[in-house]
Amino acid sequence: MKYTKPPLTFIQQAKLLASRGLVADIGDLEIFLSNVNYYRFSGYLYPFRSKAGDNYLSGTTLEQIRNIYNFDSELRLLTLSAIETIEIAILRTRMVECFSIAHGAFCYTDIKCFGPRLSKFSHKEMLDNIEQNVDRSTEEFVALYRAKYTSEPHLPFWMVAETCTFGQLSKIFNFLPHKVKVTLSKQFDLHYRDLGSWLHSLSVVRNICAHHARLWNRILPVKPSIPSNKYHPEFYSPVKIRNDSYFVILALLEYLVKTIYPNKSIKNDFDKLLVKYPGVPINKMGFPMNWQDCAVFVNQK
């Protein structure tokens, strides 16, 4: 099947959306579409389509959808800020301390320092990626280290960690020896499998945010695990938190950031967004009606 749809000018795009039932001033809509790609915008419109076809539900307005779009933009910034806190505290600080104290400054270079799940191929790939990161780095500490320690082929782990991506660091976490993973995870009162799952999911969400993609009304591509009810009943009361949409991400962010900084609350920042953008349907993000009563938020206060 060949793609035959022709490209449209901004005014043609605006008229097409209006013909499908979007209530908007054509001039205003044209200006908006000249700054926000039509295909990108259509992702926010999709839930408002009628079941019959391409037309939109009666009463769907540009102002309504633009409100959701702006809410989502600020939600990404809020999420990125929280993930930054987690990334620095857990992966770039506490993991570095645990791993290097247990196995030395160059722990990452020796496959014997990792758990048995790390293959020789994967370890070589890890080292190659790290070396590429270091070579590309413009950080002054890299140049100073190499100028001073000319006989050392590798940088200490605490320097390497500053050149790695969140995704690379979360993979290193999953290959850590059992004792190191347990030691680190206990600091957050979590099973190491849960913490590893959370970090993996957050690394994907971070990339979604960094590429300005949609969080609202999105099914998570990598779903985090939910801790055992026996040890973490706060994820089950008054309802079990589902792991497929943004609601679980907000819960994870609240839990981890609150553990790192007890006086900080991501939920409070989210509440301010809801006040600024009233009417945004957060049920499309997996939020139940009584989400404010969920113990993971109440107990974290």
C-alpha atoms as a PDB file:
ATOM      1  CA  MET A   1       0.000   0.000   0.000  1.00  0.00           C
ATOM      2  CA  LYS A   2       1.445   3.369  -1.028  1.00  0.00           C
ATOM      3  CA  TYR A   3       1.175   6.546   1.038  1.00  0.00           C
ATOM      4  CA  THR A   4      -0.715   9.083  -1.070  1.00  0.00           C
ATOM      5  CA  LYS A   5      -1.603  11.879   1.338  1.00  0.00           C
ATOM      6  CA  PRO A   6      -0.204  15.195   0.081  1.00  0.00           C
ATOM      7  CA  PRO A   7       1.587  17.697   2.355  1.00  0.00           C
ATOM      8  CA  LEU A   8      -0.654  20.509   3.574  1.00  0.00           C
ATOM      9  CA  THR A   9       0.065  24.145   4.339  1.00  0.00           C
ATOM     10  CA  PHE A  10      -0.657  25.376   7.854  1.00  0.00           C
ATOM     11  CA  ILE A  11      -3.916  26.987   6.773  1.00  0.00           C
ATOM     12  CA  GLN A  12      -4.966  23.763   5.031  1.00  0.00           C
ATOM     13  CA  GLN A  13      -4.151  21.803   8.194  1.00  0.00           C
ATOM     14  CA  ALA A  14      -6.243  24.230  10.244  1.00  0.00           C
ATOM     15  CA  LYS A  15      -9.209  23.955   7.882  1.00  0.00           C
ATOM     16  CA  LEU A  16      -8.958  20.153   7.890  1.00  0.00           C
ATOM     17  CA  LEU A  17      -9.138  20.017  11.698  1.00  0.00           C
ATOM     18  CA  ALA A  18     -12.039  22.479  11.706  1.00  0.00           C
ATOM     19  CA  SER A  19     -13.880  20.379   9.118  1.00  0.00           C
ATOM     20  CA  ARG A  20     -13.574  17.421  11.480  1.00  0.00           C
ATOM     21  CA  GLY A  21     -15.251  19.302  14.298  1.00  0.00           C
ATOM     22  CA  LEU A  22     -12.462  21.032  16.214  1.00  0.00           C
ATOM     23  CA  VAL A  23     -13.889  24.309  17.478  1.00  0.00           C
ATOM     24  CA  ALA A  24     -11.301  27.024  16.841  1.00  0.00           C
ATOM     25  CA  ASP A  25     -10.631  30.374  15.248  1.00  0.00           C
ATOM     26  CA  ILE A  26      -8.978  29.388  11.956  1.00  0.00           C
ATOM     27  CA  GLY A  27      -6.347  32.113  12.201  1.00  0.00           C
ATOM     28  CA  ASP A  28      -5.480  31.179  15.787  1.00  0.00           C
ATOM     29  CA  LEU A  29      -5.295  27.506  14.849  1.00  0.00           C
ATOM     30  CA  GLU A  30      -3.071  28.265  11.843  1.00  0.00           C
ATOM     31  CA  ILE A  31      -0.603  30.163  14.055  1.00  0.00           C
ATOM     32  CA  PHE A  32      -0.597  27.331  16.588  1.00  0.00           C
ATOM     33  CA  LEU A  33       0.085  24.715  13.888  1.00  0.00           C
ATOM     34  CA  SER A  34       2.942  26.819  12.508  1.00  0.00           C
ATOM     35  CA  ASN A  35       4.686  26.326  15.855  1.00  0.00           C
ATOM     36  CA  VAL A  36       3.472  22.843  16.802  1.00  0.00           C
ATOM     37  CA  ASN A  37       3.720  20.057  14.218  1.00  0.00           C
ATOM     38  CA  TYR A  38       0.305  18.818  13.050  1.00  0.00           C
ATOM     39  CA  TYR A  39       1.227  15.183  13.624  1.00  0.00           C
ATOM     40  CA  ARG A  40       2.483  15.981  17.122  1.00  0.00           C
ATOM     41  CA  PHE A  41      -0.709  17.890  17.935  1.00  0.00           C
ATOM     42  CA  SER A  42      -2.894  15.076  16.602  1.00  0.00           C
ATOM     43  CA  GLY A  43      -1.596  12.818  19.390  1.00  0.00           C
ATOM     44  CA  TYR A  44      -3.388  15.042  21.904  1.00  0.00           C
ATOM     45  CA  LEU A  45      -6.523  15.124  19.761  1.00  0.00           C
ATOM     46  CA  TYR A  46      -6.758  11.376  19.255  1.00  0.00           C
ATOM     47  CA  PRO A  47      -8.692  10.541  22.474  1.00  0.00           C
ATOM     48  CA  PHE A  48     -11.338  13.087  21.437  1.00  0.00           C
ATOM     49  CA  ARG A  49     -12.197  11.398  18.133  1.00  0.00           C
ATOM     50  CA  SER A  50     -15.656   9.920  17.738  1.00  0.00           C
ATOM     51  CA  LYS A  51     -15.949   6.180  17.362  1.00  0.00           C
ATOM     52  CA  ALA A  52     -17.498   6.639  13.936  1.00  0.00           C
ATOM     53  CA  GLY A  53     -14.383   7.996  12.216  1.00  0.00           C
ATOM     54  CA  ASP A  54     -12.027  10.966  12.022  1.00  0.00           C
ATOM     55  CA  ASN A  55     -14.420  13.588  13.383  1.00  0.00           C
ATOM     56  CA  TYR A  56     -14.010  14.936  16.912  1.00  0.00           C
ATOM     57  CA  LEU A  57     -16.497  14.719  19.741  1.00  0.00           C
ATOM     58  CA  SER A  58     -18.945  17.593  19.945  1.00  0.00           C
ATOM     59  CA  GLY A  59     -17.559  20.516  21.916  1.00  0.00           C
ATOM     60  CA  THR A  60     -13.861  19.677  21.432  1.00  0.00           C
ATOM     61  CA  THR A  61     -12.061  23.037  21.323  1.00  0.00           C
ATOM     62  CA  LEU A  62      -8.585  24.243  20.470  1.00  0.00           C
ATOM     63  CA  GLU A  63      -8.405  25.925  23.876  1.00  0.00           C
ATOM     64  CA  GLN A  64      -9.162  22.636  25.609  1.00  0.00           C
ATOM     65  CA  ILE A  65      -6.505  20.682  23.698  1.00  0.00           C
ATOM     66  CA  ARG A  66      -3.955  23.496  23.938  1.00  0.00           C
ATOM     67  CA  ASN A  67      -4.478  23.467  27.706  1.00  0.00           C
ATOM     68  CA  ILE A  68      -3.616  19.759  27.779  1.00  0.00           C
ATOM     69  CA  TYR A  69      -0.627  20.364  25.497  1.00  0.00           C
ATOM     70  CA  ASN A  70       0.789  23.084  27.762  1.00  0.00           C
ATOM     71  CA  PHE A  71       0.104  20.986  30.861  1.00  0.00           C
ATOM     72  CA  ASP A  72       2.036  18.118  29.305  1.00  0.00           C
ATOM     73  CA  SER A  73       4.948  20.409  28.464  1.00  0.00           C
ATOM     74  CA  GLU A  74       5.272  21.526  32.084  1.00  0.00           C
ATOM     75  CA  LEU A  75       4.736  17.961  33.311  1.00  0.00           C
ATOM     76  CA  ARG A  76       7.811  16.878  31.351  1.00  0.00           C
ATOM     77  CA  LEU A  77       9.895  19.577  33.046  1.00  0.00           C
ATOM     78  CA  LEU A  78       8.621  18.539  36.470  1.00  0.00           C
ATOM     79  CA  THR A  79       9.359  14.894  35.687  1.00  0.00           C
ATOM     80  CA  LEU A  80      12.836  15.615  34.333  1.00  0.00           C
ATOM     81  CA  SER A  81      13.704  17.617  37.434  1.00  0.00           C
ATOM     82  CA  ALA A  82      12.619  14.776  39.736  1.00  0.00           C
ATOM     83  CA  ILE A  83      14.473  12.173  37.664  1.00  0.00           C
ATOM     84  CA  GLU A  84      17.597  14.350  37.794  1.00  0.00           C
ATOM     85  CA  THR A  85      17.450  14.244  41.605  1.00  0.00           C
ATOM     86  CA  ILE A  86      17.146  10.442  41.519  1.00  0.00           C
ATOM     87  CA  GLU A  87      19.840  10.004  38.874  1.00  0.00           C
ATOM     88  CA  ILE A  88      22.403  12.051  40.773  1.00  0.00           C
ATOM     89  CA  ALA A  89      21.654  10.642  44.229  1.00  0.00           C
ATOM     90  CA  ILE A  90      21.282   6.954  43.359  1.00  0.00           C
ATOM     91  CA  LEU A  91      23.321   6.267  40.218  1.00  0.00           C
ATOM     92  CA  ARG A  92      25.989   8.958  40.220  1.00  0.00           C
ATOM     93  CA  THR A  93      26.560   9.040  43.983  1.00  0.00           C
ATOM     94  CA  ARG A  94      25.362   6.103  46.097  1.00  0.00           C
ATOM     95  CA  MET A  95      25.975   3.407  43.467  1.00  0.00           C
ATOM     96  CA  VAL A  96      29.453   4.789  42.863  1.00  0.00           C
ATOM     97  CA  GLU A  97      30.195   4.722  46.594  1.00  0.00           C
ATOM     98  CA  CYS A  98      28.876   1.176  47.126  1.00  0.00           C
ATOM     99  CA  PHE A  99      30.576  -0.361  44.075  1.00  0.00           C
ATOM    100  CA  SER A 100      33.937   1.385  44.413  1.00  0.00           C
ATOM    101  CA  ILE A 101      34.215   0.801  48.169  1.00  0.00           C
ATOM    102  CA  ALA A 102      33.528  -2.905  47.566  1.00  0.00           C
ATOM    103  CA  HIS A 103      35.796  -3.398  44.540  1.00  0.00           C
ATOM    104  CA  GLY A 104      38.083  -0.401  44.140  1.00  0.00           C
ATOM    105  CA  ALA A 105      38.395   2.649  41.912  1.00  0.00           C
ATOM    106  CA  PHE A 106      38.501   0.638  38.676  1.00  0.00           C
ATOM    107  CA  CYS A 107      35.784  -1.857  39.619  1.00  0.00           C
ATOM    108  CA  TYR A 108      33.929  -1.472  36.336  1.00  0.00           C
ATOM    109  CA  THR A 109      36.942  -2.653  34.296  1.00  0.00           C
ATOM    110  CA  ASP A 110      37.028  -6.168  35.802  1.00  0.00           C
ATOM    111  CA  ILE A 111      34.190  -8.524  34.868  1.00  0.00           C
ATOM    112  CA  LYS A 112      34.888 -10.493  38.060  1.00  0.00           C
ATOM    113  CA  CYS A 113      33.627  -7.519  40.062  1.00  0.00           C
ATOM    114  CA  PHE A 114      30.157  -7.877  38.537  1.00  0.00           C
ATOM    115  CA  GLY A 115      27.442 -10.447  39.038  1.00  0.00           C
ATOM    116  CA  PRO A 116      27.335 -13.691  37.007  1.00  0.00           C
ATOM    117  CA  ARG A 117      24.688 -12.375  34.593  1.00  0.00           C
ATOM    118  CA  LEU A 118      27.183 -10.098  32.846  1.00  0.00           C
ATOM    119  CA  SER A 119      28.650 -11.863  29.790  1.00  0.00           C
ATOM    120  CA  LYS A 120      32.091 -11.146  28.357  1.00  0.00           C
ATOM    121  CA  PHE A 121      30.454  -9.662  25.272  1.00  0.00           C
ATOM    122  CA  SER A 122      28.215  -7.339  27.308  1.00  0.00           C
ATOM    123  CA  HIS A 123      31.117  -6.280  29.512  1.00  0.00           C
ATOM    124  CA  LYS A 124      33.237  -5.425  26.468  1.00  0.00           C
ATOM    125  CA  GLU A 125      30.324  -3.479  25.025  1.00  0.00           C
ATOM    126  CA  MET A 126      29.986  -1.637  28.344  1.00  0.00           C
ATOM    127  CA  LEU A 127      33.674  -0.732  28.378  1.00  0.00           C
ATOM    128  CA  ASP A 128      33.554   0.380  24.738  1.00  0.00           C
ATOM    129  CA  ASN A 129      30.615   2.677  25.481  1.00  0.00           C
ATOM    130  CA  ILE A 130      32.359   4.085  28.530  1.00  0.00           C
ATOM    131  CA  GLU A 131      35.525   4.714  26.535  1.00  0.00           C
ATOM    132  CA  GLN A 132      33.504   6.516  23.860  1.00  0.00           C
ATOM    133  CA  ASN A 133      31.844   8.643  26.535  1.00  0.00           C
ATOM    134  CA  VAL A 134      35.210   9.576  28.015  1.00  0.00           C
ATOM    135  CA  ASP A 135      36.741  10.347  24.607  1.00  0.00           C
ATOM    136  CA  ARG A 136      33.802  12.595  23.682  1.00  0.00           C
ATOM    137  CA  SER A 137      33.709  14.318  27.050  1.00  0.00           C
ATOM    138  CA  THR A 138      34.708  17.969  27.246  1.00  0.00           C
ATOM    139  CA  GLU A 139      34.839  17.902  31.039  1.00  0.00           C
ATOM    140  CA  GLU A 140      38.005  19.501  32.398  1.00  0.00           C
ATOM    141  CA  PHE A 141      38.518  16.716  34.962  1.00  0.00           C
ATOM    142  CA  VAL A 142      39.031  14.176  32.158  1.00  0.00           C
ATOM    143  CA  ALA A 143      41.843  16.189  30.562  1.00  0.00           C
ATOM    144  CA  LEU A 144      43.468  16.910  33.912  1.00  0.00           C
ATOM    145  CA  TYR A 145      43.364  13.246  34.954  1.00  0.00           C
ATOM    146  CA  ARG A 146      44.881  12.012  31.697  1.00  0.00           C
ATOM    147  CA  ALA A 147      47.594  14.646  31.819  1.00  0.00           C
ATOM    148  CA  LYS A 148      48.568  13.689  35.371  1.00  0.00           C
ATOM    149  CA  TYR A 149      48.110   9.885  35.372  1.00  0.00           C
ATOM    150  CA  THR A 150      49.625   9.041  32.012  1.00  0.00           C
ATOM    151  CA  SER A 151      50.206   5.361  32.864  1.00  0.00           C
ATOM    152  CA  GLU A 152      46.529   4.749  33.756  1.00  0.00           C
ATOM    153  CA  PRO A 153      44.401   3.474  30.834  1.00  0.00           C
ATOM    154  CA  HIS A 154      41.135   3.995  32.723  1.00  0.00           C
ATOM    155  CA  LEU A 155      39.430   6.648  34.831  1.00  0.00           C
ATOM    156  CA  PRO A 156      38.153   5.871  38.342  1.00  0.00           C
ATOM    157  CA  PHE A 157      34.510   4.841  38.482  1.00  0.00           C
ATOM    158  CA  TRP A 158      33.427   8.081  40.162  1.00  0.00           C
ATOM    159  CA  MET A 159      34.752  10.027  37.162  1.00  0.00           C
ATOM    160  CA  VAL A 160      33.372   7.574  34.598  1.00  0.00           C
ATOM    161  CA  ALA A 161      29.914   7.818  36.166  1.00  0.00           C
ATOM    162  CA  GLU A 162      29.827  11.530  35.370  1.00  0.00           C
ATOM    163  CA  THR A 163      30.281  10.794  31.654  1.00  0.00           C
ATOM    164  CA  CYS A 164      27.654   8.021  31.409  1.00  0.00           C
ATOM    165  CA  THR A 165      23.995   8.379  30.490  1.00  0.00           C
ATOM    166  CA  PHE A 166      21.167   7.466  32.847  1.00  0.00           C
ATOM    167  CA  GLY A 167      20.456   4.402  30.714  1.00  0.00           C
ATOM    168  CA  GLN A 168      24.070   3.212  30.847  1.00  0.00           C
ATOM    169  CA  LEU A 169      24.219   3.657  34.615  1.00  0.00           C
ATOM    170  CA  SER A 170      20.941   1.791  35.148  1.00  0.00           C
ATOM    171  CA  LYS A 171      22.374  -1.133  33.144  1.00  0.00           C
ATOM    172  CA  ILE A 172      25.480  -1.113  35.328  1.00  0.00           C
ATOM    173  CA  PHE A 173      23.195  -1.283  38.370  1.00  0.00           C
ATOM    174  CA  ASN A 174      21.480  -4.399  37.032  1.00  0.00           C
ATOM    175  CA  PHE A 175      24.837  -6.146  36.557  1.00  0.00           C
ATOM    176  CA  LEU A 176      26.250  -5.237  39.978  1.00  0.00           C
ATOM    177  CA  PRO A 177      27.189  -8.096  42.304  1.00  0.00           C
ATOM    178  CA  HIS A 178      24.330  -9.217  44.510  1.00  0.00           C
ATOM    179  CA  LYS A 179      25.787  -7.844  47.739  1.00  0.00           C
ATOM    180  CA  VAL A 180      26.309  -4.356  46.283  1.00  0.00           C
ATOM    181  CA  LYS A 181      22.798  -4.231  44.802  1.00  0.00           C
ATOM    182  CA  VAL A 182      21.266  -5.317  48.093  1.00  0.00           C
ATOM    183  CA  THR A 183      23.309  -2.768  50.071  1.00  0.00           C
ATOM    184  CA  LEU A 184      22.225   0.051  47.776  1.00  0.00           C
ATOM    185  CA  SER A 185      18.570  -0.997  47.545  1.00  0.00           C
ATOM    186  CA  LYS A 186      18.234  -1.276  51.333  1.00  0.00           C
ATOM    187  CA  GLN A 187      18.928   2.439  51.549  1.00  0.00           C
ATOM    188  CA  PHE A 188      15.537   2.871  49.856  1.00  0.00           C
ATOM    189  CA  ASP A 189      13.813  -0.003  51.667  1.00  0.00           C
ATOM    190  CA  LEU A 190      13.377  -1.778  48.318  1.00  0.00           C
ATOM    191  CA  HIS A 191      14.150  -5.192  46.873  1.00  0.00           C
ATOM    192  CA  TYR A 192      16.999  -4.825  44.410  1.00  0.00           C
ATOM    193  CA  ARG A 193      14.828  -6.199  41.595  1.00  0.00           C
ATOM    194  CA  ASP A 194      12.257  -3.464  42.193  1.00  0.00           C
ATOM    195  CA  LEU A 195      14.846  -0.692  42.332  1.00  0.00           C
ATOM    196  CA  GLY A 196      16.447  -2.002  39.123  1.00  0.00           C
ATOM    197  CA  SER A 197      13.057  -2.134  37.417  1.00  0.00           C
ATOM    198  CA  TRP A 198      12.226   1.405  38.554  1.00  0.00           C
ATOM    199  CA  LEU A 199      15.535   2.797  37.297  1.00  0.00           C
ATOM    200  CA  HIS A 200      15.061   1.110  33.915  1.00  0.00           C
ATOM    201  CA  SER A 201      11.552   2.515  33.537  1.00  0.00           C
ATOM    202  CA  LEU A 202      12.635   5.989  34.649  1.00  0.00           C
ATOM    203  CA  SER A 203      15.496   5.983  32.130  1.00  0.00           C
ATOM    204  CA  VAL A 204      12.927   5.429  29.371  1.00  0.00           C
ATOM    205  CA  VAL A 205      10.619   8.128  30.748  1.00  0.00           C
ATOM    206  CA  ARG A 206      13.590  10.471  30.925  1.00  0.00           C
ATOM    207  CA  ASN A 207      14.242   9.911  27.211  1.00  0.00           C
ATOM    208  CA  ILE A 208      10.573  10.546  26.437  1.00  0.00           C
ATOM    209  CA  CYS A 209      10.813  13.877  28.263  1.00  0.00           C
ATOM    210  CA  ALA A 210      14.158  14.810  26.722  1.00  0.00           C
ATOM    211  CA  HIS A 211      12.725  14.292  23.237  1.00  0.00           C
ATOM    212  CA  HIS A 212       9.655  16.407  24.087  1.00  0.00           C
ATOM    213  CA  ALA A 213       7.314  13.479  23.509  1.00  0.00           C
ATOM    214  CA  ARG A 214       3.873  13.105  25.061  1.00  0.00           C
ATOM    215  CA  LEU A 215       3.428  11.890  28.657  1.00  0.00           C
ATOM    216  CA  TRP A 216      -0.304  12.558  28.865  1.00  0.00           C
ATOM    217  CA  ASN A 217      -2.444   9.616  27.729  1.00  0.00           C
ATOM    218  CA  ARG A 218       0.609   7.424  27.099  1.00  0.00           C
ATOM    219  CA  ILE A 219       1.043   3.732  27.848  1.00  0.00           C
ATOM    220  CA  LEU A 220       4.495   3.197  29.329  1.00  0.00           C
ATOM    221  CA  PRO A 221       6.819   1.310  26.956  1.00  0.00           C
ATOM    222  CA  VAL A 222       8.710  -0.147  29.940  1.00  0.00           C
ATOM    223  CA  LYS A 223       6.501  -0.927  32.910  1.00  0.00           C
ATOM    224  CA  PRO A 224       8.071  -0.784  36.404  1.00  0.00           C
ATOM    225  CA  SER A 225       7.429  -3.526  38.931  1.00  0.00           C
ATOM    226  CA  ILE A 226       5.132  -2.879  41.891  1.00  0.00           C
ATOM    227  CA  PRO A 227       6.702  -3.879  45.242  1.00  0.00           C
ATOM    228  CA  SER A 228       5.223  -6.706  47.282  1.00  0.00           C
ATOM    229  CA  ASN A 229       2.080  -5.860  49.224  1.00  0.00           C
ATOM    230  CA  LYS A 230       3.677  -7.512  52.258  1.00  0.00           C
ATOM    231  CA  TYR A 231       6.463  -4.945  52.462  1.00  0.00           C
ATOM    232  CA  HIS A 232       4.909  -1.978  50.664  1.00  0.00           C
ATOM    233  CA  PRO A 233       1.158  -1.871  51.284  1.00  0.00           C
ATOM    234  CA  GLU A 234       1.187   1.839  50.407  1.00  0.00           C
ATOM    235  CA  PHE A 235       1.144   0.830  46.729  1.00  0.00           C
ATOM    236  CA  TYR A 236      -2.096  -1.114  47.256  1.00  0.00           C
ATOM    237  CA  SER A 237      -4.276   1.133  49.421  1.00  0.00           C
ATOM    238  CA  PRO A 238      -6.963   2.279  48.772  1.00  0.00           C
ATOM    239  CA  VAL A 239      -6.376   0.898  45.249  1.00  0.00           C
ATOM    240  CA  LYS A 240      -3.494  -1.021  43.709  1.00  0.00           C
ATOM    241  CA  ILE A 241      -1.382   1.309  41.611  1.00  0.00           C
ATOM    242  CA  ARG A 242      -1.277   0.120  38.012  1.00  0.00           C
ATOM    243  CA  ASN A 243       2.114   0.076  36.329  1.00  0.00           C
ATOM    244  CA  ASP A 244       1.221   1.070  32.769  1.00  0.00           C
ATOM    245  CA  SER A 245       0.756   4.854  32.800  1.00  0.00           C
ATOM    246  CA  TYR A 246       2.070   8.091  34.260  1.00  0.00           C
ATOM    247  CA  PHE A 247       0.334   7.630  37.617  1.00  0.00           C
ATOM    248  CA  VAL A 248       2.821   4.944  38.637  1.00  0.00           C
ATOM    249  CA  ILE A 249       5.698   7.208  37.570  1.00  0.00           C
ATOM    250  CA  LEU A 250       4.441   9.965  39.851  1.00  0.00           C
ATOM    251  CA  ALA A 251       4.241   7.415  42.688  1.00  0.00           C
ATOM    252  CA  LEU A 252       7.819   6.224  42.079  1.00  0.00           C
ATOM    253  CA  LEU A 253       9.115   9.772  41.868  1.00  0.00           C
ATOM    254  CA  GLU A 254       7.359  10.699  45.111  1.00  0.00           C
ATOM    255  CA  TYR A 255       8.720   7.623  46.904  1.00  0.00           C
ATOM    256  CA  LEU A 256      12.328   7.972  45.747  1.00  0.00           C
ATOM    257  CA  VAL A 257      12.665  11.749  45.969  1.00  0.00           C
ATOM    258  CA  LYS A 258      11.038  11.758  49.404  1.00  0.00           C
ATOM    259  CA  THR A 259      13.533   9.118  50.547  1.00  0.00           C
ATOM    260  CA  ILE A 260      16.411  11.250  49.261  1.00  0.00           C
ATOM    261  CA  TYR A 261      15.033  14.582  50.505  1.00  0.00           C
ATOM    262  CA  PRO A 262      12.326  14.009  53.178  1.00  0.00           C
ATOM    263  CA  ASN A 263      11.037  17.583  52.952  1.00  0.00           C
ATOM    264  CA  LYS A 264      10.531  17.511  49.193  1.00  0.00           C
ATOM    265  CA  SER A 265       7.274  16.375  47.551  1.00  0.00           C
ATOM    266  CA  ILE A 266       6.800  15.830  43.822  1.00  0.00           C
ATOM    267  CA  LYS A 267       3.059  15.437  44.415  1.00  0.00           C
ATOM    268  CA  ASN A 268       2.893  19.009  45.705  1.00  0.00           C
ATOM    269  CA  ASP A 269       4.450  20.231  42.454  1.00  0.00           C
ATOM    270  CA  PHE A 270       1.978  18.119  40.481  1.00  0.00           C
ATOM    271  CA  ASP A 271      -0.928  19.566  42.478  1.00  0.00           C
ATOM    272  CA  LYS A 272       0.198  23.065  41.474  1.00  0.00           C
ATOM    273  CA  LEU A 273       0.101  22.014  37.822  1.00  0.00           C
ATOM    274  CA  LEU A 274      -3.475  20.812  38.224  1.00  0.00           C
ATOM    275  CA  VAL A 275      -4.439  24.185  39.715  1.00  0.00           C
ATOM    276  CA  LYS A 276      -2.748  26.009  36.820  1.00  0.00           C
ATOM    277  CA  TYR A 277      -4.395  23.760  34.214  1.00  0.00           C
ATOM    278  CA  PRO A 278      -7.856  22.878  35.525  1.00  0.00           C
ATOM    279  CA  GLY A 279      -9.928  20.461  33.543  1.00  0.00           C
ATOM    280  CA  VAL A 280      -7.072  18.341  32.224  1.00  0.00           C
ATOM    281  CA  PRO A 281      -8.410  14.756  32.187  1.00  0.00           C
ATOM    282  CA  ILE A 282      -5.793  12.981  34.300  1.00  0.00           C
ATOM    283  CA  ASN A 283      -7.854   9.794  34.200  1.00  0.00           C
ATOM    284  CA  LYS A 284      -6.231   9.404  30.773  1.00  0.00           C
ATOM    285  CA  MET A 285      -2.939   9.035  32.679  1.00  0.00           C
ATOM    286  CA  GLY A 286      -4.107   6.194  34.906  1.00  0.00           C
ATOM    287  CA  PHE A 287      -5.180   8.339  37.867  1.00  0.00           C
ATOM    288  CA  PRO A 288      -8.129   6.826  39.799  1.00  0.00           C
ATOM    289  CA  MET A 289     -10.809   9.110  41.249  1.00  0.00           C
ATOM    290  CA  ASN A 290      -9.372   8.811  44.770  1.00  0.00           C
ATOM    291  CA  TRP A 291      -5.711   9.025  43.779  1.00  0.00           C
ATOM    292  CA  GLN A 292      -4.960  11.699  46.400  1.00  0.00           C
ATOM    293  CA  ASP A 293      -5.827   9.152  49.097  1.00  0.00           C
ATOM    294  CA  CYS A 294      -3.298   6.582  47.863  1.00  0.00           C
ATOM    295  CA  ALA A 295      -1.053   5.724  50.770  1.00  0.00           C
ATOM    296  CA  VAL A 296       2.163   6.111  48.778  1.00  0.00           C
ATOM    297  CA  PHE A 297       1.431   9.862  48.734  1.00  0.00           C
ATOM    298  CA  VAL A 298      -0.175  10.172  52.157  1.00  0.00           C
ATOM    299  CA  ASN A 299       2.520   8.151  53.956  1.00  0.00           C
ATOM    300  CA  GLN A 300       5.259  10.028  52.185  1.00  0.00           C
ATOM    301  CA  LYS A 301       4.197  13.384  53.595  1.00  0.00           C
END
